C-alpha atoms as a PDB file:
ATOM      1  CA  MET A   1      37.735  22.561  16.160  1.00  0.00           C
ATOM      2  CA  GLN A   2      37.482  24.782  13.110  1.00  0.00           C
ATOM      3  CA  VAL A   3      34.700  22.579  11.693  1.00  0.00           C
ATOM      4  CA  ILE A   4      32.643  22.853  14.885  1.00  0.00           C
ATOM      5  CA  ASP A   5      33.199  26.620  14.997  1.00  0.00           C
ATOM      6  CA  PHE A   6      32.173  26.847  11.344  1.00  0.00           C
ATOM      7  CA  ILE A   7      28.987  24.836  11.952  1.00  0.00           C
ATOM      8  CA  ALA A   8      28.157  26.882  15.059  1.00  0.00           C
ATOM      9  CA  GLY A   9      28.695  30.126  13.168  1.00  0.00           C
ATOM     10  CA  ASN A  10      26.664  29.039  10.139  1.00  0.00           C
ATOM     11  CA  GLY A  11      23.941  26.959  11.842  1.00  0.00           C
ATOM     12  CA  PRO A  12      21.136  27.496   9.317  1.00  0.00           C
ATOM     13  CA  TRP A  13      23.364  26.664   6.355  1.00  0.00           C
ATOM     14  CA  ALA A  14      24.757  23.630   8.142  1.00  0.00           C
ATOM     15  CA  TRP A  15      21.219  22.255   8.510  1.00  0.00           C
ATOM     16  CA  ILE A  16      20.424  23.012   4.868  1.00  0.00           C
ATOM     17  CA  VAL A  17      23.638  21.333   3.659  1.00  0.00           C
ATOM     18  CA  ALA A  18      23.001  18.349   5.952  1.00  0.00           C
ATOM     19  CA  GLY A  19      19.477  18.096   4.529  1.00  0.00           C
ATOM     20  CA  LEU A  20      20.821  18.171   0.978  1.00  0.00           C
ATOM     21  CA  VAL A  21      23.349  15.452   1.873  1.00  0.00           C
ATOM     22  CA  LEU A  22      20.521  13.302   3.267  1.00  0.00           C
ATOM     23  CA  LEU A  23      18.528  13.873   0.057  1.00  0.00           C
ATOM     24  CA  ALA A  24      21.569  12.822  -1.990  1.00  0.00           C
ATOM     25  CA  LEU A  25      21.967   9.691   0.168  1.00  0.00           C
ATOM     26  CA  GLU A  26      18.325   8.811  -0.561  1.00  0.00           C
ATOM     27  CA  LEU A  27      19.331   8.380  -4.195  1.00  0.00           C
ATOM     28  CA  VAL A  28      21.859   5.710  -3.170  1.00  0.00           C
ATOM     29  CA  VAL A  29      20.091   4.059  -0.222  1.00  0.00           C
ATOM     30  CA  PRO A  30      16.470   3.093  -0.961  1.00  0.00           C
ATOM     31  CA  GLY A  31      13.695   3.239   1.583  1.00  0.00           C
ATOM     32  CA  GLY A  32      12.258   6.740   1.652  1.00  0.00           C
ATOM     33  CA  PHE A  33      13.272   7.605   5.206  1.00  0.00           C
ATOM     34  CA  LEU A  34      16.284   9.722   4.281  1.00  0.00           C
ATOM     35  CA  LEU A  35      14.056  11.762   1.964  1.00  0.00           C
ATOM     36  CA  TRP A  36      11.902  12.940   4.854  1.00  0.00           C
ATOM     37  CA  MET A  37      14.889  13.452   7.157  1.00  0.00           C
ATOM     38  CA  GLY A  38      16.563  15.552   4.441  1.00  0.00           C
ATOM     39  CA  ILE A  39      13.457  17.668   4.001  1.00  0.00           C
ATOM     40  CA  SER A  40      13.257  18.057   7.793  1.00  0.00           C
ATOM     41  CA  GLY A  41      16.884  19.229   7.857  1.00  0.00           C
ATOM     42  CA  ILE A  42      16.222  21.812   5.156  1.00  0.00           C
ATOM     43  CA  VAL A  43      13.070  23.053   6.942  1.00  0.00           C
ATOM     44  CA  THR A  44      15.037  23.286  10.209  1.00  0.00           C
ATOM     45  CA  GLY A  45      17.663  25.389   8.408  1.00  0.00           C
ATOM     46  CA  ILE A  46      14.993  27.679   6.978  1.00  0.00           C
ATOM     47  CA  VAL A  47      13.461  28.116  10.448  1.00  0.00           C
ATOM     48  CA  LEU A  48      16.928  29.064  11.764  1.00  0.00           C
ATOM     49  CA  LEU A  49      17.313  31.672   9.030  1.00  0.00           C
ATOM     50  CA  VAL A  50      14.195  33.383  10.421  1.00  0.00           C
ATOM     51  CA  TRP A  51      14.685  32.847  14.190  1.00  0.00           C
ATOM     52  CA  ALA A  52      17.915  32.387  16.122  1.00  0.00           C
ATOM     53  CA  ILE A  53      17.381  29.426  18.475  1.00  0.00           C
ATOM     54  CA  GLY A  54      19.718  27.190  20.481  1.00  0.00           C
ATOM     55  CA  TRP A  55      21.058  23.772  19.495  1.00  0.00           C
ATOM     56  CA  PRO A  56      18.775  21.710  21.734  1.00  0.00           C
ATOM     57  CA  LEU A  57      15.678  23.301  20.193  1.00  0.00           C
ATOM     58  CA  GLN A  58      17.148  22.879  16.703  1.00  0.00           C
ATOM     59  CA  TRP A  59      17.578  19.132  17.278  1.00  0.00           C
ATOM     60  CA  LEU A  60      14.080  18.945  18.742  1.00  0.00           C
ATOM     61  CA  ILE A  61      12.614  20.636  15.650  1.00  0.00           C
ATOM     62  CA  PHE A  62      14.586  18.339  13.354  1.00  0.00           C
ATOM     63  CA  GLY A  63      13.626  15.212  15.313  1.00  0.00           C
ATOM     64  CA  LEU A  64       9.931  16.049  15.515  1.00  0.00           C
ATOM     65  CA  LEU A  65       9.707  17.007  11.845  1.00  0.00           C
ATOM     66  CA  SER A  66      11.491  13.786  10.880  1.00  0.00           C
ATOM     67  CA  LEU A  67       9.314  11.534  13.053  1.00  0.00           C
ATOM     68  CA  VAL A  68       6.040  13.172  12.054  1.00  0.00           C
ATOM     69  CA  SER A  69       6.817  13.225   8.327  1.00  0.00           C
ATOM     70  CA  ILE A  70       8.041   9.604   8.321  1.00  0.00           C
ATOM     71  CA  ALA A  71       4.976   8.460  10.301  1.00  0.00           C
ATOM     72  CA  ILE A  72       2.611  10.237   7.895  1.00  0.00           C
ATOM     73  CA  TRP A  73       4.480   8.810   4.885  1.00  0.00           C
ATOM     74  CA  VAL A  74       4.378   5.234   6.251  1.00  0.00           C
ATOM     75  CA  ARG A  75       0.662   5.470   7.072  1.00  0.00           C
ATOM     76  CA  TRP A  76      -0.137   6.928   3.633  1.00  0.00           C
ATOM     77  CA  THR A  77       1.852   4.317   1.693  1.00  0.00           C
ATOM     78  CA  ARG A  78       0.348   1.414   3.639  1.00  0.00           C
ATOM     79  CA  SER A  79      -3.208   2.662   3.130  1.00  0.00           C
ATOM     80  CA  ARG A  80      -2.916   2.889  -0.670  1.00  0.00           C
ATOM     81  CA  PRO A  81      -3.746  -0.233  -2.659  1.00  0.00           C
ATOM     82  CA  ALA A  82      -0.939  -1.399  -4.882  1.00  0.00           C
ATOM     83  CA  PRO A  83      -1.766  -0.723  -8.552  1.00  0.00           C
ATOM     84  CA  THR A  84      -1.914  -3.873 -10.649  1.00  0.00           C
ATOM     85  CA  ASP A  85      -2.785  -4.891 -14.166  1.00  0.00           C
ATOM     86  CA  ARG A  86      -4.124  -8.233 -12.845  1.00  0.00           C
ATOM     87  CA  PRO A  87      -6.541  -7.400 -10.029  1.00  0.00           C
ATOM     88  CA  TYR A  88      -7.985 -10.940  -9.819  1.00  0.00           C
ATOM     89  CA  LEU A  89      -4.651 -12.742  -9.523  1.00  0.00           C
ATOM     90  CA  ASN A  90      -5.004 -15.298  -6.715  1.00  0.00           C
ATOM     91  CA  ARG A  91      -8.746 -14.519  -6.535  1.00  0.00           C
ATOM     92  CA  ARG A  92     -10.023 -16.702  -9.354  1.00  0.00           C
ATOM     93  CA  ALA A  93     -13.500 -17.168  -7.915  1.00  0.00           C
ATOM     94  CA  GLU A  94     -14.138 -13.399  -7.892  1.00  0.00           C
ATOM     95  CA  HIS A  95     -13.080 -13.250 -11.536  1.00  0.00           C
ATOM     96  CA  LEU A  96     -15.863 -15.690 -12.458  1.00  0.00           C
ATOM     97  CA  VAL A  97     -18.742 -13.576 -11.064  1.00  0.00           C
ATOM     98  CA  GLY A  98     -21.209 -12.795 -13.846  1.00  0.00           C
ATOM     99  CA  GLN A  99     -20.281 -15.731 -16.080  1.00  0.00           C
ATOM    100  CA  GLU A 100     -22.767 -18.393 -17.110  1.00  0.00           C
ATOM    101  CA  ALA A 101     -22.199 -22.140 -17.093  1.00  0.00           C
ATOM    102  CA  VAL A 102     -24.064 -25.451 -17.278  1.00  0.00           C
ATOM    103  CA  LEU A 103     -24.392 -27.622 -14.168  1.00  0.00           C
ATOM    104  CA  GLU A 104     -22.304 -30.774 -14.466  1.00  0.00           C
ATOM    105  CA  GLN A 105     -23.800 -32.250 -11.296  1.00  0.00           C
ATOM    106  CA  ALA A 106     -27.258 -31.344  -9.995  1.00  0.00           C
ATOM    107  CA  ILE A 107     -27.512 -29.044  -7.006  1.00  0.00           C
ATOM    108  CA  GLU A 108     -28.944 -31.209  -4.238  1.00  0.00           C
ATOM    109  CA  GLN A 109     -29.155 -30.136  -0.610  1.00  0.00           C
ATOM    110  CA  GLY A 110     -27.589 -26.823  -1.614  1.00  0.00           C
ATOM    111  CA  PHE A 111     -24.443 -28.045  -3.411  1.00  0.00           C
ATOM    112  CA  GLY A 112     -23.482 -29.215  -6.891  1.00  0.00           C
ATOM    113  CA  ARG A 113     -20.663 -28.950  -9.463  1.00  0.00           C
ATOM    114  CA  VAL A 114     -19.977 -26.958 -12.603  1.00  0.00           C
ATOM    115  CA  VAL A 115     -17.090 -27.108 -15.087  1.00  0.00           C
ATOM    116  CA  LEU A 116     -15.489 -23.817 -16.125  1.00  0.00           C
ATOM    117  CA  GLY A 117     -12.539 -24.146 -18.474  1.00  0.00           C
ATOM    118  CA  ASP A 118     -10.394 -26.981 -17.142  1.00  0.00           C
ATOM    119  CA  THR A 119     -11.578 -26.641 -13.529  1.00  0.00           C
ATOM    120  CA  VAL A 120     -14.456 -28.286 -11.689  1.00  0.00           C
ATOM    121  CA  TRP A 121     -16.003 -25.868  -9.194  1.00  0.00           C
ATOM    122  CA  ARG A 122     -18.295 -26.613  -6.278  1.00  0.00           C
ATOM    123  CA  VAL A 123     -21.413 -24.455  -6.432  1.00  0.00           C
ATOM    124  CA  SER A 124     -24.149 -23.568  -3.960  1.00  0.00           C
ATOM    125  CA  GLY A 125     -27.668 -22.390  -4.536  1.00  0.00           C
ATOM    126  CA  ALA A 126     -31.240 -23.554  -4.884  1.00  0.00           C
ATOM    127  CA  ASP A 127     -31.741 -27.193  -5.906  1.00  0.00           C
ATOM    128  CA  LEU A 128     -31.463 -27.461  -9.719  1.00  0.00           C
ATOM    129  CA  PRO A 129     -31.147 -30.411 -12.126  1.00  0.00           C
ATOM    130  CA  ALA A 130     -27.944 -31.303 -14.003  1.00  0.00           C
ATOM    131  CA  GLY A 131     -27.744 -29.542 -17.369  1.00  0.00           C
ATOM    132  CA  GLN A 132     -29.436 -26.376 -16.034  1.00  0.00           C
ATOM    133  CA  ARG A 133     -27.837 -23.107 -17.161  1.00  0.00           C
ATOM    134  CA  VAL A 134     -26.717 -20.998 -14.159  1.00  0.00           C
ATOM    135  CA  ARG A 135     -25.140 -17.572 -13.582  1.00  0.00           C
ATOM    136  CA  ILE A 136     -22.405 -17.083 -10.981  1.00  0.00           C
ATOM    137  CA  ILE A 137     -23.476 -14.347  -8.570  1.00  0.00           C
ATOM    138  CA  GLY A 138     -20.749 -14.533  -5.918  1.00  0.00           C
ATOM    139  CA  ASN A 139     -18.463 -16.779  -3.958  1.00  0.00           C
ATOM    140  CA  GLU A 140     -17.652 -17.966  -0.453  1.00  0.00           C
ATOM    141  CA  GLY A 141     -14.030 -19.005  -0.619  1.00  0.00           C
ATOM    142  CA  ALA A 142     -13.772 -21.637  -3.369  1.00  0.00           C
ATOM    143  CA  VAL A 143     -17.551 -22.298  -3.496  1.00  0.00           C
ATOM    144  CA  LEU A 144     -19.378 -20.361  -6.189  1.00  0.00           C
ATOM    145  CA  LYS A 145     -22.900 -19.066  -5.510  1.00  0.00           C
ATOM    146  CA  VAL A 146     -25.196 -19.525  -8.510  1.00  0.00           C
ATOM    147  CA  GLU A 147     -28.740 -18.793  -9.642  1.00  0.00           C
ATOM    148  CA  ALA A 148     -30.764 -20.253 -12.491  1.00  0.00           C
ATOM    149  CA  VAL A 149     -30.704 -18.323 -15.765  1.00  0.00           C
END
């Protein structure tokens, strides 16, 4: 009972200490959620230092701050693109846009073939003879769009 009396008598500091404990747990348990709950606990303690409010309202403030901050954090992290040093990984056709090549097979009825490196690509564009030099201007899936150079 002494612990409960101590917490009741020192409510703001109990919230601040609980927030610091949650921040320390974030170092051990990954995920990011304890970070925002710890900050919410500290903010709740600071609010209690200014205004004396009852326990139900304290828990409401802590809960709302935690939910709102976690929701904002999740939305922000999911909206950011992941930084990468290989932006065209698994998007090889997009990497080829702007390159020039020679048609291996003539484009007839809108489709032909070109060899780039060790890969034969299907190409689409205006009808052109085999041996014509073409520039890759885009792609639709694995089909490269080309134009005559």
